[in-house]
Protein backbone atom coordinates (compact mmCIF):
# COMPACT_ATOMS: atom_id res chain seq x y z
CA MET A 1 -55.71 -19.43 37.32
CA ASP A 2 -52.23 -20.17 38.73
CA SER A 3 -51.12 -17.10 40.69
CA ASP A 4 -47.57 -17.61 39.37
CA VAL A 5 -48.70 -17.21 35.75
CA ALA A 6 -48.82 -13.63 34.47
CA ARG A 7 -52.18 -12.35 33.34
CA VAL A 8 -52.44 -11.21 29.73
CA ALA A 9 -53.86 -7.75 29.07
CA VAL A 10 -54.52 -5.84 25.84
CA VAL A 11 -54.71 -2.04 25.68
CA SER A 12 -55.64 -0.32 22.42
CA GLY A 13 -54.43 3.22 21.96
CA GLY A 14 -51.69 2.30 24.42
CA GLY A 15 -48.91 4.56 23.18
CA THR A 16 -49.85 7.83 24.85
CA GLY A 17 -52.07 9.46 27.46
CA ILE A 18 -54.70 7.36 29.20
CA GLY A 19 -53.80 4.18 27.30
CA ARG A 20 -50.16 4.41 28.25
CA ALA A 21 -51.07 5.04 31.88
CA ILE A 22 -53.33 1.96 31.83
CA ALA A 23 -50.56 -0.16 30.32
CA ARG A 24 -48.21 1.04 33.04
CA ALA A 25 -50.70 0.25 35.82
CA LEU A 26 -51.38 -3.25 34.52
CA GLY A 27 -47.72 -3.90 33.88
CA ALA A 28 -46.90 -2.79 37.42
CA ASP A 29 -49.28 -5.52 38.64
CA GLY A 30 -47.20 -8.07 36.74
CA ASP A 31 -49.46 -8.43 33.70
CA ARG A 32 -48.11 -9.16 30.23
CA VAL A 33 -49.46 -6.16 28.31
CA PHE A 34 -49.93 -5.79 24.57
CA VAL A 35 -50.28 -2.16 23.48
CA LEU A 36 -51.96 -1.58 20.12
CA GLY A 37 -52.15 1.46 17.88
CA ARG A 38 -51.48 2.84 14.41
CA ARG A 39 -48.19 4.70 15.06
CA GLU A 40 -45.36 2.19 15.17
CA GLU A 41 -42.70 4.57 16.49
CA VAL A 42 -44.93 5.91 19.26
CA LEU A 43 -45.86 2.39 20.37
CA ALA A 44 -42.27 1.14 20.29
CA ARG A 45 -41.04 4.12 22.32
CA ALA A 46 -43.82 3.73 24.89
CA ALA A 47 -43.14 0.01 25.29
CA ALA A 48 -39.40 0.55 25.67
CA GLU A 49 -39.86 3.30 28.25
CA LEU A 50 -42.44 1.36 30.24
CA ASN A 51 -40.30 -1.78 30.24
CA ALA A 52 -37.32 0.24 31.47
CA GLU A 53 -39.47 1.75 34.22
CA LEU A 54 -40.91 -1.65 35.19
CA ARG A 55 -37.48 -3.29 34.90
CA ASP A 56 -38.97 -6.16 32.97
CA ALA A 57 -40.09 -6.88 29.40
CA ARG A 58 -43.81 -6.86 30.18
CA VAL A 59 -45.10 -4.50 27.49
CA GLU A 60 -45.14 -5.51 23.81
CA PRO A 61 -46.24 -3.21 20.96
CA ILE A 62 -48.40 -4.35 18.06
CA CYS A 63 -48.95 -1.85 15.26
CA ALA A 64 -52.38 -2.20 13.67
CA ASP A 65 -55.12 -0.03 12.19
CA LEU A 66 -58.02 -1.28 14.30
CA ARG A 67 -60.57 0.06 11.84
CA GLU A 68 -59.51 -2.62 9.36
CA PRO A 69 -60.79 -6.21 9.86
CA ALA A 70 -57.69 -7.85 8.38
CA ALA A 71 -55.36 -5.87 10.64
CA VAL A 72 -57.50 -6.67 13.69
CA ALA A 73 -57.53 -10.38 12.83
CA ALA A 74 -53.74 -10.45 12.49
CA ALA A 75 -53.27 -8.67 15.82
CA ALA A 76 -55.73 -11.02 17.54
CA GLU A 77 -53.91 -14.06 16.16
CA ARG A 78 -50.61 -12.77 17.58
CA ILE A 79 -52.19 -12.12 21.00
CA ALA A 80 -54.05 -15.44 21.11
CA ALA A 81 -50.75 -17.26 20.71
CA GLU A 82 -49.91 -16.17 24.27
CA GLY A 83 -52.90 -18.00 25.73
CA PRO A 84 -56.13 -16.75 27.30
CA VAL A 85 -56.64 -12.96 27.51
CA ASP A 86 -57.57 -11.82 30.98
CA ALA A 87 -58.28 -8.15 30.29
CA LEU A 88 -59.11 -6.14 27.18
CA VAL A 89 -59.12 -2.36 27.47
CA ASN A 90 -60.60 -0.57 24.46
CA ASN A 91 -59.02 2.86 24.68
CA ALA A 92 -58.29 3.74 21.03
CA GLY A 93 -60.24 6.70 19.72
CA GLY A 94 -60.44 10.47 19.63
CA ASN A 95 -62.40 13.38 18.28
CA PHE A 96 -61.55 13.28 14.60
CA ALA A 97 -64.06 15.99 13.68
CA ALA A 98 -63.37 18.78 16.15
CA HIS A 99 -64.34 21.63 13.80
CA PRO A 100 -67.77 22.41 12.24
CA ALA A 101 -68.55 21.08 8.78
CA ASP A 102 -69.22 23.48 5.92
CA ASP A 103 -71.65 21.37 3.89
CA LEU A 104 -73.58 18.10 3.82
CA GLU A 105 -70.65 16.09 2.51
CA GLY A 106 -68.45 17.45 5.26
CA LEU A 107 -71.10 16.64 7.86
CA ARG A 108 -71.40 13.11 6.54
CA ASP A 109 -67.63 12.70 6.66
CA GLN A 110 -67.50 13.93 10.25
CA TRP A 111 -70.07 11.40 11.43
CA ARG A 112 -68.41 8.62 9.46
CA THR A 113 -64.90 9.52 10.67
CA ASN A 114 -65.84 9.60 14.34
CA PHE A 115 -67.84 6.39 14.07
CA GLU A 116 -65.00 4.59 12.32
CA GLY A 117 -62.36 5.99 14.67
CA ASN A 118 -64.17 5.30 17.95
CA VAL A 119 -66.69 2.50 17.48
CA LEU A 120 -65.02 0.15 15.01
CA PRO A 121 -61.72 -0.29 16.91
CA ALA A 122 -63.53 -1.35 20.08
CA VAL A 123 -66.12 -3.57 18.40
CA LEU A 124 -63.77 -5.29 15.96
CA LEU A 125 -60.98 -5.93 18.45
CA THR A 126 -63.37 -7.21 21.10
CA HIS A 127 -65.11 -9.65 18.80
CA ALA A 128 -61.80 -10.84 17.38
CA LEU A 129 -60.54 -11.62 20.88
CA LEU A 130 -63.77 -13.04 22.31
CA PRO A 131 -62.81 -16.66 21.60
CA CYS A 132 -59.63 -16.35 23.68
CA LEU A 133 -61.00 -14.31 26.60
CA ARG A 134 -60.66 -16.19 29.86
CA ARG A 135 -63.85 -17.96 30.98
CA PRO A 136 -64.61 -17.32 33.75
CA GLY A 137 -62.62 -14.25 34.75
CA GLY A 138 -62.28 -12.21 31.56
CA ARG A 139 -62.67 -8.45 31.71
CA ILE A 140 -63.58 -5.93 29.00
CA VAL A 141 -63.30 -2.22 29.77
CA THR A 142 -64.11 0.39 27.12
CA ILE A 143 -63.04 4.00 27.53
CA THR A 144 -65.80 6.36 26.39
CA SER A 145 -66.31 10.00 27.43
CA ILE A 146 -68.45 12.52 29.26
CA ALA A 147 -69.29 13.64 25.71
CA ALA A 148 -71.50 10.55 25.37
CA PHE A 149 -73.91 12.28 27.77
CA ARG A 150 -73.71 15.87 26.55
CA GLY A 151 -71.98 16.15 23.17
CA PRO A 152 -70.37 17.28 20.91
CA ALA A 153 -72.62 15.40 18.56
CA THR A 154 -70.42 13.35 16.24
CA TYR A 155 -67.84 12.43 18.88
CA GLY A 156 -70.39 12.12 21.68
CA GLY A 157 -72.69 10.09 19.46
CA ALA A 158 -69.90 7.62 18.68
CA LYS A 159 -69.04 7.24 22.37
CA ALA A 160 -72.73 6.85 23.26
CA ALA A 161 -72.96 3.99 20.77
CA LEU A 162 -70.26 2.23 22.80
CA HIS A 163 -72.43 2.52 25.91
CA ALA A 164 -75.29 0.65 24.28
CA TRP A 165 -72.91 -1.92 22.84
CA SER A 166 -71.19 -2.48 26.20
CA ALA A 167 -74.53 -3.01 27.93
CA GLU A 168 -75.61 -5.60 25.39
CA LEU A 169 -72.24 -7.36 25.56
CA GLY A 170 -72.25 -7.32 29.35
CA ALA A 171 -75.60 -9.07 29.50
CA ALA A 172 -74.56 -11.65 26.92
CA LEU A 173 -71.22 -12.52 28.53
CA ALA A 174 -72.17 -12.43 32.22
CA PRO A 175 -73.21 -16.12 32.25
CA GLU A 176 -69.70 -16.97 31.03
CA GLY A 177 -68.05 -15.07 33.86
CA ILE A 178 -66.85 -12.18 31.70
CA ALA A 179 -67.45 -8.66 33.06
CA VAL A 180 -67.96 -5.78 30.63
CA ASN A 181 -67.93 -2.12 31.66
CA ALA A 182 -67.38 1.36 30.27
CA VAL A 183 -65.41 4.19 31.88
CA ALA A 184 -66.48 7.70 30.87
CA PRO A 185 -63.83 10.27 31.79
CA GLY A 186 -64.31 14.00 31.87
CA TYR A 187 -61.42 16.37 31.20
CA VAL A 188 -58.07 14.57 31.41
CA THR A 189 -54.77 16.44 31.31
CA ASP A 190 -51.50 15.40 29.68
CA THR A 191 -52.97 13.70 26.61
CA GLU A 192 -52.90 14.42 22.88
CA PHE A 193 -56.69 14.54 22.72
CA TYR A 194 -57.18 18.30 22.32
CA GLY A 195 -54.30 18.87 19.92
CA GLU A 196 -53.94 22.45 18.72
CA ARG A 197 -56.90 23.60 20.81
CA MET A 198 -54.95 23.14 24.04
CA ASN A 199 -53.61 26.31 25.65
CA GLY A 200 -53.69 27.95 29.08
CA ASP A 201 -57.15 29.48 28.67
CA PHE A 202 -58.62 26.24 27.33
CA HIS A 203 -57.15 24.28 30.25
CA ALA A 204 -58.49 26.78 32.80
CA ASP A 205 -61.96 26.68 31.25
CA ARG A 206 -62.08 22.88 31.34
CA CYS A 207 -60.95 22.83 34.96
CA ARG A 208 -63.68 25.31 35.95
CA ARG A 209 -66.37 22.99 34.60
CA ALA A 210 -65.79 20.44 37.37
CA PRO A 211 -66.52 21.08 41.07
CA ALA A 212 -63.14 19.46 41.74
CA GLY A 213 -61.60 22.45 39.98
CA ARG A 214 -59.14 20.45 37.92
CA GLY A 215 -58.76 17.77 35.28
CA ALA A 216 -57.83 14.18 35.98
CA ALA A 217 -54.33 12.84 35.57
CA PRO A 218 -54.18 9.84 33.20
CA ALA A 219 -53.01 7.74 36.16
CA GLU A 220 -56.30 8.42 37.98
CA ILE A 221 -58.32 7.00 35.09
CA ALA A 222 -55.87 4.11 34.90
CA ALA A 223 -56.42 3.31 38.58
CA LEU A 224 -60.16 2.91 37.96
CA VAL A 225 -59.55 0.75 34.90
CA ARG A 226 -57.04 -1.31 36.86
CA TYR A 227 -59.78 -2.30 39.29
CA LEU A 228 -62.40 -3.04 36.63
CA ALA A 229 -59.89 -5.07 34.61
CA GLY A 230 -58.72 -6.99 37.67
CA PRO A 231 -59.76 -10.27 39.25
CA ASP A 232 -61.78 -8.64 42.06
CA ALA A 233 -64.29 -6.87 39.78
CA GLY A 234 -66.24 -9.88 38.58
CA PHE A 235 -69.60 -8.75 39.99
CA VAL A 236 -69.38 -5.29 38.41
CA THR A 237 -70.70 -5.61 34.87
CA GLY A 238 -72.85 -3.69 32.41
CA GLN A 239 -71.97 -0.37 34.06
CA ILE A 240 -70.94 3.08 32.85
CA VAL A 241 -68.53 4.43 35.47
CA GLN A 242 -68.03 8.19 35.30
CA ALA A 243 -64.80 9.89 36.34
CA ASN A 244 -65.20 13.62 35.84
CA GLY A 245 -64.55 15.47 39.11
CA GLY A 246 -68.28 16.10 39.53
CA ALA A 247 -68.73 17.85 36.18
CA LEU A 248 -71.67 15.52 35.51
CA LEU A 249 -73.32 13.86 38.49
CA GLY A 250 -74.40 10.23 38.12
CA ARG A 251 -77.90 9.61 39.42
CA GLY A 252 -79.20 7.08 36.92
């Protein structure tokens, strides 16, 4: 690839929190970054603020419900028009069933909601963009969670499904020079993830769970993703990289 040509990166869930920090990190490296999400105003504001900070129009918002095949296909067509995609970061998701269900229908809906909100956006967007991923040199990074290793069940189960999917995809795409990895953060501060549950006591409890005694800043997760999504990470593939301050030690 010509070093004078900007790389193209895609970040789903790029309007806030970890996704926004990733978009900023990649944009600071000179990448052309598409940020995707469902909330048009949030995306537009994030793109405008990041472009002002970067002093260049490097970040472009695309509003799309990534659970819907037609919306994913339209977004992929827009992105593909820019040429090969160098890095895809699947960050969209969340715990959409944070409270216990009261009955079987509620339990079914919780499993379905977390599967649709966490697994489908990553799988659909990735497969829509596969034809235009750079070969060799493409990078796919999927943000999962410490919950994939230790619950809660519906959210953790959805994130664990992404681990198995990433491993399969990594093995399939390695011969084409595309690296596929997952990043599993622990507690991360300054995000919308915990919603109404977030307060001083909740924050202190989450910090105590890690030997580091604190949560990660979104920029710290973004720094790890920046490496895995970059040109120097081609021999790292099929991995689950944990970033949790020691809350769960990796010995696998």
